[in-house]
PDB file of N, CA and C in Angstrom:
ATOM      1  N   MET A   1     281.705 255.445  51.946  1.00  0.00           N
ATOM      2  CA  MET A   1     281.666 256.782  52.852  1.00  0.00           C
ATOM      3  C   MET A   1     281.764 255.931  54.514  1.00  0.00           C
ATOM      4  N   GLU A   2     281.024 254.670  54.577  1.00  0.00           N
ATOM      5  CA  GLU A   2     281.191 254.442  55.836  1.00  0.00           C
ATOM      6  C   GLU A   2     282.426 253.869  56.583  1.00  0.00           C
ATOM      7  N   SER A   3     283.084 253.871  55.405  1.00  0.00           N
ATOM      8  CA  SER A   3     284.537 253.296  56.274  1.00  0.00           C
ATOM      9  C   SER A   3     285.356 254.938  56.953  1.00  0.00           C
ATOM     10  N   ILE A   4     285.353 255.667  55.845  1.00  0.00           N
ATOM     11  CA  ILE A   4     285.560 257.176  56.386  1.00  0.00           C
ATOM     12  C   ILE A   4     284.761 257.876  57.269  1.00  0.00           C
ATOM     13  N   THR A   5     283.787 258.073  57.835  1.00  0.00           N
ATOM     14  CA  THR A   5     282.545 258.373  58.765  1.00  0.00           C
ATOM     15  C   THR A   5     282.740 257.902  60.169  1.00  0.00           C
ATOM     16  N   PHE A   6     282.875 256.118  59.733  1.00  0.00           N
ATOM     17  CA  PHE A   6     283.151 255.064  60.729  1.00  0.00           C
ATOM     18  C   PHE A   6     284.256 255.381  61.736  1.00  0.00           C
ATOM     19  N   GLY A   7     285.502 255.417  61.050  1.00  0.00           N
ATOM     20  CA  GLY A   7     286.763 255.684  61.559  1.00  0.00           C
ATOM     21  C   GLY A   7     286.443 256.941  62.256  1.00  0.00           C
ATOM     22  N   LEU A   8     286.367 258.060  61.579  1.00  0.00           N
ATOM     23  CA  LEU A   8     286.612 259.707  61.954  1.00  0.00           C
ATOM     24  C   LEU A   8     285.292 259.091  63.437  1.00  0.00           C
ATOM     25  N   SER A   9     284.540 258.969  63.045  1.00  0.00           N
ATOM     26  CA  SER A   9     283.614 259.063  64.562  1.00  0.00           C
ATOM     27  C   SER A   9     284.038 258.390  65.753  1.00  0.00           C
ATOM     28  N   PHE A  10     284.263 256.807  65.182  1.00  0.00           N
ATOM     29  CA  PHE A  10     284.992 256.365  66.637  1.00  0.00           C
ATOM     30  C   PHE A  10     286.441 256.684  67.306  1.00  0.00           C
ATOM     31  N   THR A  11     287.363 257.442  66.363  1.00  0.00           N
ATOM     32  CA  THR A  11     288.336 257.929  66.709  1.00  0.00           C
ATOM     33  C   THR A  11     288.138 259.263  67.595  1.00  0.00           C
ATOM     34  N   ALA A  12     286.426 260.140  67.057  1.00  0.00           N
ATOM     35  CA  ALA A  12     286.206 260.914  68.077  1.00  0.00           C
ATOM     36  C   ALA A  12     286.077 260.889  69.681  1.00  0.00           C
ATOM     37  N   ALA A  13     285.128 259.896  68.940  1.00  0.00           N
ATOM     38  CA  ALA A  13     284.029 259.077  70.699  1.00  0.00           C
ATOM     39  C   ALA A  13     285.671 258.558  71.486  1.00  0.00           C
ATOM     40  N   VAL A  14     286.422 257.821  70.560  1.00  0.00           N
ATOM     41  CA  VAL A  14     287.770 257.466  71.689  1.00  0.00           C
ATOM     42  C   VAL A  14     288.547 258.639  72.556  1.00  0.00           C
ATOM     43  N   THR A  15     288.926 259.218  71.409  1.00  0.00           N
ATOM     44  CA  THR A  15     289.404 260.892  72.069  1.00  0.00           C
ATOM     45  C   THR A  15     288.700 261.383  73.219  1.00  0.00           C
ATOM     46  N   TYR A  16     287.301 261.682  72.660  1.00  0.00           N
ATOM     47  CA  TYR A  16     286.638 262.251  74.208  1.00  0.00           C
ATOM     48  C   TYR A  16     286.607 261.544  75.480  1.00  0.00           C
ATOM     49  N   ALA A  17     286.731 260.103  75.181  1.00  0.00           N
ATOM     50  CA  ALA A  17     286.412 259.080  75.837  1.00  0.00           C
ATOM     51  C   ALA A  17     288.004 259.317  77.166  1.00  0.00           C
ATOM     52  N   ALA A  18     288.903 259.282  76.587  1.00  0.00           N
ATOM     53  CA  ALA A  18     290.283 259.035  77.066  1.00  0.00           C
ATOM     54  C   ALA A  18     290.318 260.407  77.924  1.00  0.00           C
ATOM     55  N   LYS A  19     289.970 262.032  76.946  1.00  0.00           N
ATOM     56  CA  LYS A  19     289.910 262.919  77.670  1.00  0.00           C
ATOM     57  C   LYS A  19     288.753 263.197  78.853  1.00  0.00           C
ATOM     58  N   LEU A  20     288.020 262.216  79.004  1.00  0.00           N
ATOM     59  CA  LEU A  20     286.997 262.400  80.350  1.00  0.00           C
ATOM     60  C   LEU A  20     287.930 261.475  81.310  1.00  0.00           C
ATOM     61  N   SER A  21     288.584 260.974  81.405  1.00  0.00           N
ATOM     62  CA  SER A  21     289.024 260.010  82.074  1.00  0.00           C
ATOM     63  C   SER A  21     290.442 260.608  82.185  1.00  0.00           C
ATOM     64  N   THR A  22     291.031 259.710  83.899  1.00  0.00           N
ATOM     65  CA  THR A  22     291.859 259.930  84.093  1.00  0.00           C
ATOM     66  C   THR A  22     292.666 258.417  84.112  1.00  0.00           C
ATOM     67  N   VAL A  23     294.076 258.835  84.144  1.00  0.00           N
ATOM     68  CA  VAL A  23     295.492 257.562  83.884  1.00  0.00           C
ATOM     69  C   VAL A  23     294.821 255.929  84.551  1.00  0.00           C
ATOM     70  N   THR A  24     294.242 256.446  85.801  1.00  0.00           N
ATOM     71  CA  THR A  24     293.532 254.890  86.370  1.00  0.00           C
ATOM     72  C   THR A  24     292.358 254.387  86.002  1.00  0.00           C
ATOM     73  N   THR A  25     291.388 255.188  85.398  1.00  0.00           N
ATOM     74  CA  THR A  25     290.313 255.034  84.833  1.00  0.00           C
ATOM     75  C   THR A  25     289.986 255.129  83.329  1.00  0.00           C
ATOM     76  N   ASP A  26     290.842 254.867  82.743  1.00  0.00           N
ATOM     77  CA  ASP A  26     291.435 255.250  81.158  1.00  0.00           C
ATOM     78  C   ASP A  26     291.067 253.765  80.534  1.00  0.00           C
ATOM     79  N   THR A  27     291.296 252.769  81.468  1.00  0.00           N
ATOM     80  CA  THR A  27     290.785 251.285  80.538  1.00  0.00           C
ATOM     81  C   THR A  27     289.305 251.083  80.738  1.00  0.00           C
ATOM     82  N   SER A  28     289.019 251.419  81.796  1.00  0.00           N
ATOM     83  CA  SER A  28     287.374 251.171  82.222  1.00  0.00           C
ATOM     84  C   SER A  28     286.436 251.885  81.430  1.00  0.00           C
ATOM     85  N   ILE A  29     286.560 253.109  81.076  1.00  0.00           N
ATOM     86  CA  ILE A  29     286.161 254.222  79.749  1.00  0.00           C
ATOM     87  C   ILE A  29     286.009 253.231  78.717  1.00  0.00           C
ATOM     88  N   GLN A  30     286.989 253.331  78.436  1.00  0.00           N
ATOM     89  CA  GLN A  30     287.180 252.626  76.861  1.00  0.00           C
ATOM     90  C   GLN A  30     286.802 251.254  77.012  1.00  0.00           C
ATOM     91  N   GLY A  31     286.508 250.646  77.677  1.00  0.00           N
ATOM     92  CA  GLY A  31     285.615 249.330  77.745  1.00  0.00           C
ATOM     93  C   GLY A  31     284.606 249.526  77.615  1.00  0.00           C
ATOM     94  N   MET A  32     283.742 250.737  78.648  1.00  0.00           N
ATOM     95  CA  MET A  32     282.559 251.225  78.516  1.00  0.00           C
ATOM     96  C   MET A  32     282.204 251.862  77.357  1.00  0.00           C
ATOM     97  N   LEU A  33     282.880 252.508  76.761  1.00  0.00           N
ATOM     98  CA  LEU A  33     282.541 253.043  75.447  1.00  0.00           C
ATOM     99  C   LEU A  33     282.298 251.737  74.045  1.00  0.00           C
ATOM    100  N   GLY A  34     283.234 251.075  74.337  1.00  0.00           N
ATOM    101  CA  GLY A  34     283.172 249.909  73.292  1.00  0.00           C
ATOM    102  C   GLY A  34     282.203 248.744  73.869  1.00  0.00           C
ATOM    103  N   GLY A  35     282.024 248.587  74.448  1.00  0.00           N
ATOM    104  CA  GLY A  35     280.274 247.435  75.417  1.00  0.00           C
ATOM    105  C   GLY A  35     279.632 248.396  74.729  1.00  0.00           C
ATOM    106  N   LEU A  36     279.295 249.184  74.633  1.00  0.00           N
ATOM    107  CA  LEU A  36     277.888 250.508  74.516  1.00  0.00           C
ATOM    108  C   LEU A  36     277.716 250.378  73.551  1.00  0.00           C
ATOM    109  N   TYR A  37     279.072 250.696  72.224  1.00  0.00           N
ATOM    110  CA  TYR A  37     278.810 250.631  70.904  1.00  0.00           C
ATOM    111  C   TYR A  37     278.318 249.421  70.213  1.00  0.00           C
ATOM    112  N   TYR A  38     279.383 248.403  70.487  1.00  0.00           N
ATOM    113  CA  TYR A  38     279.181 247.366  69.817  1.00  0.00           C
ATOM    114  C   TYR A  38     278.155 246.820  70.596  1.00  0.00           C
ATOM    115  N   GLY A  39     277.820 246.833  72.261  1.00  0.00           N
ATOM    116  CA  GLY A  39     277.384 245.501  72.080  1.00  0.00           C
ATOM    117  C   GLY A  39     275.737 246.210  72.554  1.00  0.00           C
ATOM    118  N   VAL A  40     275.709 247.076  73.417  1.00  0.00           N
ATOM    119  CA  VAL A  40     274.248 247.877  73.255  1.00  0.00           C
ATOM    120  C   VAL A  40     273.811 248.360  72.003  1.00  0.00           C
ATOM    121  N   GLY A  41     274.881 249.082  71.550  1.00  0.00           N
ATOM    122  CA  GLY A  41     274.239 250.145  69.900  1.00  0.00           C
ATOM    123  C   GLY A  41     273.608 249.450  68.826  1.00  0.00           C
ATOM    124  N   LYS A  42     274.655 248.012  68.698  1.00  0.00           N
ATOM    125  CA  LYS A  42     274.558 247.294  67.686  1.00  0.00           C
ATOM    126  C   LYS A  42     273.277 246.268  67.995  1.00  0.00           C
ATOM    127  N   GLY A  43     273.577 245.916  69.195  1.00  0.00           N
ATOM    128  CA  GLY A  43     272.095 244.713  69.682  1.00  0.00           C
ATOM    129  C   GLY A  43     271.237 244.898  69.491  1.00  0.00           C
ATOM    130  N   VAL A  44     270.587 246.556  69.402  1.00  0.00           N
ATOM    131  CA  VAL A  44     269.838 246.821  69.908  1.00  0.00           C
ATOM    132  C   VAL A  44     268.821 247.681  68.347  1.00  0.00           C
ATOM    133  N   GLY A  45     269.751 248.014  67.676  1.00  0.00           N
ATOM    134  CA  GLY A  45     269.529 248.378  66.645  1.00  0.00           C
ATOM    135  C   GLY A  45     269.118 247.197  65.427  1.00  0.00           C
ATOM    136  N   SER A  46     269.702 246.167  65.786  1.00  0.00           N
ATOM    137  CA  SER A  46     270.080 244.700  65.089  1.00  0.00           C
ATOM    138  C   SER A  46     268.368 244.501  65.103  1.00  0.00           C
ATOM    139  N   LEU A  47     267.868 243.731  66.838  1.00  0.00           N
ATOM    140  CA  LEU A  47     266.572 244.032  67.311  1.00  0.00           C
ATOM    141  C   LEU A  47     265.299 244.478  66.293  1.00  0.00           C
ATOM    142  N   VAL A  48     265.774 245.895  66.440  1.00  0.00           N
ATOM    143  CA  VAL A  48     264.587 246.774  66.379  1.00  0.00           C
ATOM    144  C   VAL A  48     264.712 246.772  64.634  1.00  0.00           C
ATOM    145  N   ARG A  49     265.372 246.487  63.834  1.00  0.00           N
ATOM    146  CA  ARG A  49     265.653 246.200  62.570  1.00  0.00           C
ATOM    147  C   ARG A  49     264.818 245.471  62.175  1.00  0.00           C
ATOM    148  N   GLY A  50     265.019 244.133  62.992  1.00  0.00           N
ATOM    149  CA  GLY A  50     264.870 242.424  62.357  1.00  0.00           C
ATOM    150  C   GLY A  50     263.097 242.701  62.508  1.00  0.00           C
ATOM    151  N   TYR A  51     262.881 243.375  63.856  1.00  0.00           N
ATOM    152  CA  TYR A  51     261.603 243.255  64.002  1.00  0.00           C
ATOM    153  C   TYR A  51     260.633 244.238  63.339  1.00  0.00           C
ATOM    154  N   MET A  52     260.821 245.475  62.328  1.00  0.00           N
ATOM    155  CA  MET A  52     260.701 245.965  62.107  1.00  0.00           C
ATOM    156  C   MET A  52     260.408 245.757  59.967  1.00  0.00           C
ATOM    157  N   ILE A  53     261.421 244.797  59.687  1.00  0.00           N
ATOM    158  CA  ILE A  53     261.315 244.474  57.957  1.00  0.00           C
ATOM    159  C   ILE A  53     260.035 243.318  58.157  1.00  0.00           C
ATOM    160  N   LYS A  54     259.608 242.500  58.928  1.00  0.00           N
ATOM    161  CA  LYS A  54     258.112 241.745  58.464  1.00  0.00           C
ATOM    162  C   LYS A  54     257.187 243.473  58.010  1.00  0.00           C
ATOM    163  N   PRO A  55     256.857 244.082  59.032  1.00  0.00           N
ATOM    164  CA  PRO A  55     255.448 244.765  58.945  1.00  0.00           C
ATOM    165  C   PRO A  55     255.578 245.670  57.893  1.00  0.00           C
ATOM    166  N   VAL A  56     256.978 246.602  58.046  1.00  0.00           N
ATOM    167  CA  VAL A  56     257.017 247.569  57.260  1.00  0.00           C
ATOM    168  C   VAL A  56     258.001 247.317  55.438  1.00  0.00           C
ATOM    169  N   GLY A  57     258.802 246.238  55.496  1.00  0.00           N
ATOM    170  CA  GLY A  57     259.563 246.487  54.839  1.00  0.00           C
ATOM    171  C   GLY A  57     261.210 246.424  55.049  1.00  0.00           C
ATOM    172  N   ILE A  58     261.553 245.844  53.946  1.00  0.00           N
ATOM    173  CA  ILE A  58     263.084 245.904  53.882  1.00  0.00           C
ATOM    174  C   ILE A  58     263.380 247.637  53.578  1.00  0.00           C
ATOM    175  N   ARG A  59     262.553 247.875  52.415  1.00  0.00           N
ATOM    176  CA  ARG A  59     263.236 249.454  52.056  1.00  0.00           C
ATOM    177  C   ARG A  59     262.952 250.305  52.745  1.00  0.00           C
ATOM    178  N   SER A  60     261.675 250.567  53.044  1.00  0.00           N
ATOM    179  CA  SER A  60     261.156 251.574  54.186  1.00  0.00           C
ATOM    180  C   SER A  60     261.612 251.131  55.747  1.00  0.00           C
ATOM    181  N   THR A  61     262.400 250.224  55.929  1.00  0.00           N
ATOM    182  CA  THR A  61     263.140 250.115  57.291  1.00  0.00           C
ATOM    183  C   THR A  61     264.654 250.867  57.142  1.00  0.00           C
ATOM    184  N   ILE A  62     265.106 250.961  55.752  1.00  0.00           N
ATOM    185  CA  ILE A  62     266.341 251.291  55.771  1.00  0.00           C
ATOM    186  C   ILE A  62     266.237 252.694  55.525  1.00  0.00           C
ATOM    187  N   GLN A  63     264.786 253.257  54.570  1.00  0.00           N
ATOM    188  CA  GLN A  63     265.173 254.299  54.814  1.00  0.00           C
ATOM    189  C   GLN A  63     264.923 255.308  56.335  1.00  0.00           C
ATOM    190  N   PHE A  64     264.034 254.751  56.714  1.00  0.00           N
ATOM    191  CA  PHE A  64     263.804 254.915  58.336  1.00  0.00           C
ATOM    192  C   PHE A  64     264.837 255.215  59.115  1.00  0.00           C
ATOM    193  N   PHE A  65     265.624 254.485  59.073  1.00  0.00           N
ATOM    194  CA  PHE A  65     266.575 254.226  59.563  1.00  0.00           C
ATOM    195  C   PHE A  65     267.827 255.369  59.240  1.00  0.00           C
ATOM    196  N   ALA A  66     267.884 255.383  57.955  1.00  0.00           N
ATOM    197  CA  ALA A  66     268.638 256.826  57.092  1.00  0.00           C
ATOM    198  C   ALA A  66     268.156 257.715  57.637  1.00  0.00           C
ATOM    199  N   LEU A  67     267.173 258.324  57.806  1.00  0.00           N
ATOM    200  CA  LEU A  67     266.173 259.675  57.835  1.00  0.00           C
ATOM    201  C   LEU A  67     266.159 259.526  59.367  1.00  0.00           C
ATOM    202  N   ALA A  68     266.609 258.565  60.193  1.00  0.00           N
ATOM    203  CA  ALA A  68     266.745 258.895  61.648  1.00  0.00           C
ATOM    204  C   ALA A  68     268.106 259.160  62.084  1.00  0.00           C
ATOM    205  N   THR A  69     268.924 258.746  61.479  1.00  0.00           N
ATOM    206  CA  THR A  69     270.261 259.355  61.594  1.00  0.00           C
ATOM    207  C   THR A  69     270.716 260.418  61.163  1.00  0.00           C
ATOM    208  N   THR A  70     270.156 260.792  59.552  1.00  0.00           N
ATOM    209  CA  THR A  70     270.361 262.015  59.291  1.00  0.00           C
ATOM    210  C   THR A  70     270.000 263.455  60.863  1.00  0.00           C
ATOM    211  N   PHE A  71     268.496 263.051  61.232  1.00  0.00           N
ATOM    212  CA  PHE A  71     268.193 263.964  61.915  1.00  0.00           C
ATOM    213  C   PHE A  71     268.730 263.904  63.130  1.00  0.00           C
ATOM    214  N   THR A  72     269.427 262.690  64.196  1.00  0.00           N
ATOM    215  CA  THR A  72     270.538 262.698  64.820  1.00  0.00           C
ATOM    216  C   THR A  72     271.694 263.305  65.197  1.00  0.00           C
TER     217      THR A  72
END
């Protein structure tokens, strides 16, 4: 399921970013999208998950993030 949902969601994000930008700002907007997703989003998510695993446990951490993703 991840390959389908990731592909669809990232395609939607790229398409929306392209609609928000002009011809001259398209590259910058696409770069910001990639930087925010891969740099900030995955970086902060990995850091928070890493700190949560020891006190909460792996299973509870994964369940917490699954629940947060569902509500988001």
